[in-house]
Amino acid sequence: PVFGTVFAFFVLGEVISLPQILGGCLVFAGVAITSFTK
């Protein structure tokens, strides 16, 4: 999603909004809890 957001900004001119930033951070936080477990 990091690369996708960068591509969307430069290729499509999309602008990331505050809800997208907040929602994305929550998604990443949830995934990180599982990604860093054994």
All heavy atoms as atom14 arrays in JSON, in Angstrom:
{
  "sequence": "PVFGTVFAFFVLGEVISLPQILGGCLVFAGVAITSFTK",
  "atom14_mask": [
    [1, 1, 1, 1, 1, 1, 1, 0, 0, 0, 0, 0, 0, 0],
    [1, 1, 1, 1, 1, 1, 1, 0, 0, 0, 0, 0, 0, 0],
    [1, 1, 1, 1, 1, 1, 1, 1, 1, 1, 1, 0, 0, 0],
    [1, 1, 1, 1, 0, 0, 0, 0, 0, 0, 0, 0, 0, 0],
    [1, 1, 1, 1, 1, 1, 1, 0, 0, 0, 0, 0, 0, 0],
    [1, 1, 1, 1, 1, 1, 1, 0, 0, 0, 0, 0, 0, 0],
    [1, 1, 1, 1, 1, 1, 1, 1, 1, 1, 1, 0, 0, 0],
    [1, 1, 1, 1, 1, 0, 0, 0, 0, 0, 0, 0, 0, 0],
    [1, 1, 1, 1, 1, 1, 1, 1, 1, 1, 1, 0, 0, 0],
    [1, 1, 1, 1, 1, 1, 1, 1, 1, 1, 1, 0, 0, 0],
    [1, 1, 1, 1, 1, 1, 1, 0, 0, 0, 0, 0, 0, 0],
    [1, 1, 1, 1, 1, 1, 1, 1, 0, 0, 0, 0, 0, 0],
    [1, 1, 1, 1, 0, 0, 0, 0, 0, 0, 0, 0, 0, 0],
    [1, 1, 1, 1, 1, 1, 1, 1, 1, 0, 0, 0, 0, 0],
    [1, 1, 1, 1, 1, 1, 1, 0, 0, 0, 0, 0, 0, 0],
    [1, 1, 1, 1, 1, 1, 1, 1, 0, 0, 0, 0, 0, 0],
    [1, 1, 1, 1, 1, 1, 0, 0, 0, 0, 0, 0, 0, 0],
    [1, 1, 1, 1, 1, 1, 1, 1, 0, 0, 0, 0, 0, 0],
    [1, 1, 1, 1, 1, 1, 1, 0, 0, 0, 0, 0, 0, 0],
    [1, 1, 1, 1, 1, 1, 1, 1, 1, 0, 0, 0, 0, 0],
    [1, 1, 1, 1, 1, 1, 1, 1, 0, 0, 0, 0, 0, 0],
    [1, 1, 1, 1, 1, 1, 1, 1, 0, 0, 0, 0, 0, 0],
    [1, 1, 1, 1, 0, 0, 0, 0, 0, 0, 0, 0, 0, 0],
    [1, 1, 1, 1, 0, 0, 0, 0, 0, 0, 0, 0, 0, 0],
    [1, 1, 1, 1, 1, 1, 0, 0, 0, 0, 0, 0, 0, 0],
    [1, 1, 1, 1, 1, 1, 1, 1, 0, 0, 0, 0, 0, 0],
    [1, 1, 1, 1, 1, 1, 1, 0, 0, 0, 0, 0, 0, 0],
    [1, 1, 1, 1, 1, 1, 1, 1, 1, 1, 1, 0, 0, 0],
    [1, 1, 1, 1, 1, 0, 0, 0, 0, 0, 0, 0, 0, 0],
    [1, 1, 1, 1, 0, 0, 0, 0, 0, 0, 0, 0, 0, 0],
    [1, 1, 1, 1, 1, 1, 1, 0, 0, 0, 0, 0, 0, 0],
    [1, 1, 1, 1, 1, 0, 0, 0, 0, 0, 0, 0, 0, 0],
    [1, 1, 1, 1, 1, 1, 1, 1, 0, 0, 0, 0, 0, 0],
    [1, 1, 1, 1, 1, 1, 1, 0, 0, 0, 0, 0, 0, 0],
    [1, 1, 1, 1, 1, 1, 0, 0, 0, 0, 0, 0, 0, 0],
    [1, 1, 1, 1, 1, 1, 1, 1, 1, 1, 1, 0, 0, 0],
    [1, 1, 1, 1, 1, 1, 1, 0, 0, 0, 0, 0, 0, 0],
    [1, 1, 1, 1, 1, 1, 1, 1, 1, 0, 0, 0, 0, 0]
  ],
  "atom14_positions": [
    [[0.81, -1.23, 0.0], [0.0, 0.0, 0.0], [0.84, 1.27, 0.0], [0.38, 2.31, -0.49], [-0.84, -0.13, 1.28], [-0.11, -1.08, 2.15], [0.55, -2.04, 1.21], [0.0, 0.0, 0.0], [0.0, 0.0, 0.0], [0.0, 0.0, 0.0], [0.0, 0.0, 0.0], [0.0, 0.0, 0.0], [0.0, 0.0, 0.0], [0.0, 0.0, 0.0]],
    [[2.06, 1.2, 0.54], [2.93, 2.37, 0.51], [3.3, 2.71, -0.93], [3.16, 3.85, -1.39], [4.21, 2.12, 1.35], [5.15, 3.32, 1.24], [3.84, 1.86, 2.8], [0.0, 0.0, 0.0], [0.0, 0.0, 0.0], [0.0, 0.0, 0.0], [0.0, 0.0, 0.0], [0.0, 0.0, 0.0], [0.0, 0.0, 0.0], [0.0, 0.0, 0.0]],
    [[3.78, 1.71, -1.66], [4.12, 1.92, -3.07], [2.87, 2.28, -3.88], [2.92, 3.14, -4.76], [4.77, 0.66, -3.66], [6.17, 0.42, -3.18], [6.55, -0.82, -2.68], [7.12, 1.42, -3.24], [7.85, -1.05, -2.24], [8.43, 1.21, -2.8], [8.79, -0.02, -2.31], [0.0, 0.0, 0.0], [0.0, 0.0, 0.0], [0.0, 0.0, 0.0]],
    [[1.75, 1.62, -3.58], [0.52, 1.9, -4.31], [0.08, 3.34, -4.12], [-0.38, 3.99, -5.08], [0.0, 0.0, 0.0], [0.0, 0.0, 0.0], [0.0, 0.0, 0.0], [0.0, 0.0, 0.0], [0.0, 0.0, 0.0], [0.0, 0.0, 0.0], [0.0, 0.0, 0.0], [0.0, 0.0, 0.0], [0.0, 0.0, 0.0], [0.0, 0.0, 0.0]],
    [[0.19, 3.86, -2.92], [-0.19, 5.24, -2.64], [0.72, 6.22, -3.39], [0.25, 7.22, -3.96], [-0.11, 5.52, -1.13], [-1.02, 4.65, -0.45], [-0.47, 6.96, -0.82], [0.0, 0.0, 0.0], [0.0, 0.0, 0.0], [0.0, 0.0, 0.0], [0.0, 0.0, 0.0], [0.0, 0.0, 0.0], [0.0, 0.0, 0.0], [0.0, 0.0, 0.0]],
    [[2.02, 5.94, -3.4], [2.96, 6.8, -4.13], [2.65, 6.8, -5.62], [2.61, 7.85, -6.27], [4.42, 6.33, -3.88], [5.39, 7.1, -4.78], [4.78, 6.52, -2.41], [0.0, 0.0, 0.0], [0.0, 0.0, 0.0], [0.0, 0.0, 0.0], [0.0, 0.0, 0.0], [0.0, 0.0, 0.0], [0.0, 0.0, 0.0], [0.0, 0.0, 0.0]],
    [[2.4, 5.61, -6.19], [2.06, 5.52, -7.61], [0.76, 6.27, -7.91], [0.65, 6.97, -8.92], [1.92, 4.06, -8.04], [3.22, 3.3, -8.12], [3.28, 1.95, -7.81], [4.38, 3.94, -8.5], [4.47, 1.25, -7.88], [5.58, 3.26, -8.58], [5.63, 1.91, -8.26], [0.0, 0.0, 0.0], [0.0, 0.0, 0.0], [0.0, 0.0, 0.0]],
    [[-0.23, 6.09, -7.04], [-1.52, 6.75, -7.26], [-1.38, 8.27, -7.24], [-2.05, 8.98, -7.99], [-2.52, 6.31, -6.19], [0.0, 0.0, 0.0], [0.0, 0.0, 0.0], [0.0, 0.0, 0.0], [0.0, 0.0, 0.0], [0.0, 0.0, 0.0], [0.0, 0.0, 0.0], [0.0, 0.0, 0.0], [0.0, 0.0, 0.0], [0.0, 0.0, 0.0]],
    [[-0.49, 8.77, -6.38], [-0.27, 10.21, -6.28], [0.39, 10.75, -7.55], [-0.06, 11.75, -8.13], [0.6, 10.53, -5.07], [0.96, 11.98, -4.93], [0.04, 12.9, -4.42], [2.21, 12.43, -5.32], [0.38, 14.24, -4.3], [2.55, 13.77, -5.21], [1.63, 14.68, -4.7], [0.0, 0.0, 0.0], [0.0, 0.0, 0.0], [0.0, 0.0, 0.0]],
    [[1.44, 10.08, -8.01], [2.21, 10.59, -9.15], [1.58, 10.25, -10.5], [1.66, 11.04, -11.44], [3.65, 10.07, -9.1], [4.49, 10.74, -8.06], [4.79, 10.11, -6.87], [4.97, 12.03, -8.26], [5.57, 10.73, -5.91], [5.75, 12.67, -7.3], [6.05, 12.01, -6.12], [0.0, 0.0, 0.0], [0.0, 0.0, 0.0], [0.0, 0.0, 0.0]],
    [[0.97, 9.07, -10.61], [0.42, 8.64, -11.9], [-1.01, 9.14, -12.09], [-1.37, 9.62, -13.18], [0.46, 7.1, -12.02], [-0.19, 6.64, -13.33], [1.9, 6.6, -11.94], [0.0, 0.0, 0.0], [0.0, 0.0, 0.0], [0.0, 0.0, 0.0], [0.0, 0.0, 0.0], [0.0, 0.0, 0.0], [0.0, 0.0, 0.0], [0.0, 0.0, 0.0]],
    [[-1.83, 9.03, -11.05], [-3.25, 9.36, -11.18], [-3.61, 10.71, -10.58], [-4.72, 11.2, -10.79], [-4.11, 8.27, -10.51], [-3.91, 6.84, -11.03], [-4.73, 5.87, -10.18], [-4.29, 6.73, -12.5], [0.0, 0.0, 0.0], [0.0, 0.0, 0.0], [0.0, 0.0, 0.0], [0.0, 0.0, 0.0], [0.0, 0.0, 0.0], [0.0, 0.0, 0.0]],
    [[-2.69, 11.28, -9.82], [-2.98, 12.56, -9.18], [-3.89, 12.45, -7.97], [-4.46, 13.45, -7.52], [0.0, 0.0, 0.0], [0.0, 0.0, 0.0], [0.0, 0.0, 0.0], [0.0, 0.0, 0.0], [0.0, 0.0, 0.0], [0.0, 0.0, 0.0], [0.0, 0.0, 0.0], [0.0, 0.0, 0.0], [0.0, 0.0, 0.0], [0.0, 0.0, 0.0]],
    [[-4.06, 11.24, -7.41], [-4.88, 11.08, -6.22], [-4.16, 11.66, -5.0], [-2.94, 11.58, -4.91], [-5.19, 9.59, -5.98], [-6.09, 8.98, -7.03], [-6.46, 7.53, -6.71], [-6.04, 7.04, -5.63], [-7.15, 6.9, -7.51], [0.0, 0.0, 0.0], [0.0, 0.0, 0.0], [0.0, 0.0, 0.0], [0.0, 0.0, 0.0], [0.0, 0.0, 0.0]],
    [[-4.93, 12.23, -4.11], [-4.37, 12.82, -2.9], [-4.86, 12.02, -1.7], [-6.06, 11.77, -1.56], [-4.79, 14.3, -2.75], [-4.21, 14.88, -1.45], [-4.31, 15.1, -3.95], [0.0, 0.0, 0.0], [0.0, 0.0, 0.0], [0.0, 0.0, 0.0], [0.0, 0.0, 0.0], [0.0, 0.0, 0.0], [0.0, 0.0, 0.0], [0.0, 0.0, 0.0]],
    [[-3.95, 11.61, -0.86], [-4.34, 10.82, 0.31], [-4.98, 11.72, 1.36], [-4.51, 12.83, 1.61], [-3.13, 10.06, 0.9], [-3.59, 9.07, 1.96], [-2.09, 11.03, 1.45], [-2.53, 8.07, 2.38], [0.0, 0.0, 0.0], [0.0, 0.0, 0.0], [0.0, 0.0, 0.0], [0.0, 0.0, 0.0], [0.0, 0.0, 0.0], [0.0, 0.0, 0.0]],
    [[-6.07, 11.25, 1.94], [-6.82, 12.05, 2.91], [-6.48, 11.62, 4.33], [-5.88, 10.56, 4.56], [-8.32, 11.88, 2.67], [-8.72, 10.54, 2.9], [0.0, 0.0, 0.0], [0.0, 0.0, 0.0], [0.0, 0.0, 0.0], [0.0, 0.0, 0.0], [0.0, 0.0, 0.0], [0.0, 0.0, 0.0], [0.0, 0.0, 0.0], [0.0, 0.0, 0.0]],
    [[-6.9, 12.43, 5.31], [-6.65, 12.12, 6.71], [-7.29, 10.79, 7.14], [-6.64, 9.98, 7.81], [-7.14, 13.26, 7.59], [-6.9, 13.09, 9.11], [-5.41, 12.94, 9.4], [-7.49, 14.27, 9.87], [0.0, 0.0, 0.0], [0.0, 0.0, 0.0], [0.0, 0.0, 0.0], [0.0, 0.0, 0.0], [0.0, 0.0, 0.0], [0.0, 0.0, 0.0]],
    [[-8.57, 10.51, 6.75], [-9.15, 9.21, 7.1], [-8.37, 8.03, 6.52], [-8.25, 6.97, 7.15], [-10.57, 9.27, 6.53], [-10.89, 10.73, 6.49], [-9.6, 11.39, 6.15], [0.0, 0.0, 0.0], [0.0, 0.0, 0.0], [0.0, 0.0, 0.0], [0.0, 0.0, 0.0], [0.0, 0.0, 0.0], [0.0, 0.0, 0.0], [0.0, 0.0, 0.0]],
    [[-7.82, 8.21, 5.3], [-7.02, 7.14, 4.71], [-5.73, 6.92, 5.5], [-5.3, 5.79, 5.7], [-6.71, 7.46, 3.25], [-7.91, 7.35, 2.32], [-7.6, 7.86, 0.92], [-6.82, 8.8, 0.75], [-8.22, 7.26, -0.08], [0.0, 0.0, 0.0], [0.0, 0.0, 0.0], [0.0, 0.0, 0.0], [0.0, 0.0, 0.0], [0.0, 0.0, 0.0]],
    [[-5.13, 8.01, 5.94], [-3.9, 7.9, 6.74], [-4.21, 7.2, 8.06], [-3.51, 6.27, 8.47], [-3.3, 9.29, 7.0], [-2.81, 9.92, 5.68], [-2.14, 9.19, 7.99], [-2.34, 11.35, 5.83], [0.0, 0.0, 0.0], [0.0, 0.0, 0.0], [0.0, 0.0, 0.0], [0.0, 0.0, 0.0], [0.0, 0.0, 0.0], [0.0, 0.0, 0.0]],
    [[-5.28, 7.64, 8.73], [-5.66, 7.05, 10.02], [-6.03, 5.58, 9.85], [-5.57, 4.71, 10.61], [-6.83, 7.82, 10.62], [-7.39, 7.27, 11.95], [-6.31, 7.23, 13.01], [-8.58, 8.1, 12.41], [0.0, 0.0, 0.0], [0.0, 0.0, 0.0], [0.0, 0.0, 0.0], [0.0, 0.0, 0.0], [0.0, 0.0, 0.0], [0.0, 0.0, 0.0]],
    [[-6.88, 5.29, 8.86], [-7.29, 3.91, 8.62], [-6.12, 3.03, 8.24], [-6.0, 1.89, 8.71], [0.0, 0.0, 0.0], [0.0, 0.0, 0.0], [0.0, 0.0, 0.0], [0.0, 0.0, 0.0], [0.0, 0.0, 0.0], [0.0, 0.0, 0.0], [0.0, 0.0, 0.0], [0.0, 0.0, 0.0], [0.0, 0.0, 0.0], [0.0, 0.0, 0.0]],
    [[-5.23, 3.57, 7.4], [-4.05, 2.81, 7.0], [-3.15, 2.49, 8.17], [-2.62, 1.39, 8.29], [0.0, 0.0, 0.0], [0.0, 0.0, 0.0], [0.0, 0.0, 0.0], [0.0, 0.0, 0.0], [0.0, 0.0, 0.0], [0.0, 0.0, 0.0], [0.0, 0.0, 0.0], [0.0, 0.0, 0.0], [0.0, 0.0, 0.0], [0.0, 0.0, 0.0]],
    [[-2.98, 3.45, 9.07], [-2.15, 3.22, 10.26], [-2.74, 2.13, 11.15], [-2.02, 1.29, 11.7], [-2.01, 4.52, 11.05], [-0.94, 5.75, 10.26], [0.0, 0.0, 0.0], [0.0, 0.0, 0.0], [0.0, 0.0, 0.0], [0.0, 0.0, 0.0], [0.0, 0.0, 0.0], [0.0, 0.0, 0.0], [0.0, 0.0, 0.0], [0.0, 0.0, 0.0]],
    [[-4.08, 2.12, 11.29], [-4.73, 1.08, 12.08], [-4.55, -0.3, 11.43], [-4.3, -1.29, 12.12], [-6.22, 1.4, 12.25], [-6.55, 2.57, 13.18], [-8.02, 2.94, 13.07], [-6.19, 2.23, 14.62], [0.0, 0.0, 0.0], [0.0, 0.0, 0.0], [0.0, 0.0, 0.0], [0.0, 0.0, 0.0], [0.0, 0.0, 0.0], [0.0, 0.0, 0.0]],
    [[-4.7, -0.34, 10.11], [-4.5, -1.6, 9.38], [-3.08, -2.1, 9.58], [-2.83, -3.28, 9.9], [-4.81, -1.43, 7.89], [-4.33, -2.65, 7.1], [-6.3, -1.23, 7.67], [0.0, 0.0, 0.0], [0.0, 0.0, 0.0], [0.0, 0.0, 0.0], [0.0, 0.0, 0.0], [0.0, 0.0, 0.0], [0.0, 0.0, 0.0], [0.0, 0.0, 0.0]],
    [[-2.09, -1.2, 9.41], [-0.69, -1.6, 9.56], [-0.4, -2.05, 10.98], [0.36, -2.99, 11.2], [0.23, -0.43, 9.21], [0.14, -0.01, 7.78], [0.43, 1.29, 7.4], [-0.25, -0.9, 6.79], [0.35, 1.68, 6.09], [-0.35, -0.52, 5.47], [-0.05, 0.78, 5.1], [0.0, 0.0, 0.0], [0.0, 0.0, 0.0], [0.0, 0.0, 0.0]],
    [[-1.0, -1.37, 11.96], [-0.79, -1.74, 13.37], [-1.3, -3.15, 13.62], [-0.64, -3.97, 14.29], [-1.49, -0.74, 14.28], [0.0, 0.0, 0.0], [0.0, 0.0, 0.0], [0.0, 0.0, 0.0], [0.0, 0.0, 0.0], [0.0, 0.0, 0.0], [0.0, 0.0, 0.0], [0.0, 0.0, 0.0], [0.0, 0.0, 0.0], [0.0, 0.0, 0.0]],
    [[-2.48, -3.45, 13.08], [-3.05, -4.78, 13.25], [-2.21, -5.85, 12.6], [-1.95, -6.91, 13.19], [0.0, 0.0, 0.0], [0.0, 0.0, 0.0], [0.0, 0.0, 0.0], [0.0, 0.0, 0.0], [0.0, 0.0, 0.0], [0.0, 0.0, 0.0], [0.0, 0.0, 0.0], [0.0, 0.0, 0.0], [0.0, 0.0, 0.0], [0.0, 0.0, 0.0]],
    [[-1.75, -5.58, 11.38], [-0.92, -6.55, 10.67], [0.42, -6.73, 11.36], [0.95, -7.84, 11.45], [-0.73, -6.11, 9.2], [0.28, -7.03, 8.5], [-2.06, -6.12, 8.45], [0.0, 0.0, 0.0], [0.0, 0.0, 0.0], [0.0, 0.0, 0.0], [0.0, 0.0, 0.0], [0.0, 0.0, 0.0], [0.0, 0.0, 0.0], [0.0, 0.0, 0.0]],
    [[0.98, -5.62, 11.88], [2.29, -5.69, 12.54], [2.24, -6.6, 13.76], [3.22, -7.3, 14.05], [2.74, -4.29, 12.94], [0.0, 0.0, 0.0], [0.0, 0.0, 0.0], [0.0, 0.0, 0.0], [0.0, 0.0, 0.0], [0.0, 0.0, 0.0], [0.0, 0.0, 0.0], [0.0, 0.0, 0.0], [0.0, 0.0, 0.0], [0.0, 0.0, 0.0]],
    [[1.12, -6.6, 14.47], [1.0, -7.45, 15.66], [1.19, -8.91, 15.29], [1.8, -9.69, 16.03], [-0.38, -7.24, 16.33], [-0.45, -5.84, 16.96], [-0.63, -8.3, 17.41], [-1.83, -5.49, 17.5], [0.0, 0.0, 0.0], [0.0, 0.0, 0.0], [0.0, 0.0, 0.0], [0.0, 0.0, 0.0], [0.0, 0.0, 0.0], [0.0, 0.0, 0.0]],
    [[0.68, -9.29, 14.13], [0.81, -10.69, 13.7], [2.12, -10.94, 12.98], [2.7, -12.0, 13.09], [-0.35, -11.08, 12.77], [-0.34, -10.2, 11.63], [-1.67, -10.96, 13.48], [0.0, 0.0, 0.0], [0.0, 0.0, 0.0], [0.0, 0.0, 0.0], [0.0, 0.0, 0.0], [0.0, 0.0, 0.0], [0.0, 0.0, 0.0], [0.0, 0.0, 0.0]],
    [[2.62, -9.95, 12.23], [3.82, -10.15, 11.42], [5.06, -10.38, 12.27], [5.98, -11.09, 11.86], [4.05, -8.94, 10.51], [3.01, -8.81, 9.58], [0.0, 0.0, 0.0], [0.0, 0.0, 0.0], [0.0, 0.0, 0.0], [0.0, 0.0, 0.0], [0.0, 0.0, 0.0], [0.0, 0.0, 0.0], [0.0, 0.0, 0.0], [0.0, 0.0, 0.0]],
    [[5.1, -9.78, 13.44], [6.3, -9.87, 14.26], [6.2, -10.93, 15.35], [6.94, -10.9, 16.32], [6.62, -8.51, 14.88], [7.1, -7.51, 13.87], [6.21, -6.62, 13.29], [8.42, -7.5, 13.46], [6.65, -5.71, 12.35], [8.87, -6.59, 12.52], [7.98, -5.69, 11.95], [0.0, 0.0, 0.0], [0.0, 0.0, 0.0], [0.0, 0.0, 0.0]],
    [[5.27, -11.86, 15.19], [5.19, -12.98, 16.12], [5.88, -14.19, 15.51], [6.14, -14.24, 14.32], [3.73, -13.35, 16.42], [3.09, -13.69, 15.2], [3.0, -12.19, 17.09], [0.0, 0.0, 0.0], [0.0, 0.0, 0.0], [0.0, 0.0, 0.0], [0.0, 0.0, 0.0], [0.0, 0.0, 0.0], [0.0, 0.0, 0.0], [0.0, 0.0, 0.0]],
    [[6.14, -15.17, 16.34], [6.81, -16.37, 15.87], [5.84, -17.35, 15.23], [6.26, -18.3, 14.57], [7.54, -17.06, 17.02], [8.7, -16.23, 17.59], [9.39, -16.97, 18.71], [10.55, -16.15, 19.28], [11.23, -16.85, 20.39], [0.0, 0.0, 0.0], [0.0, 0.0, 0.0], [0.0, 0.0, 0.0], [0.0, 0.0, 0.0], [0.0, 0.0, 0.0]]
  ]
}
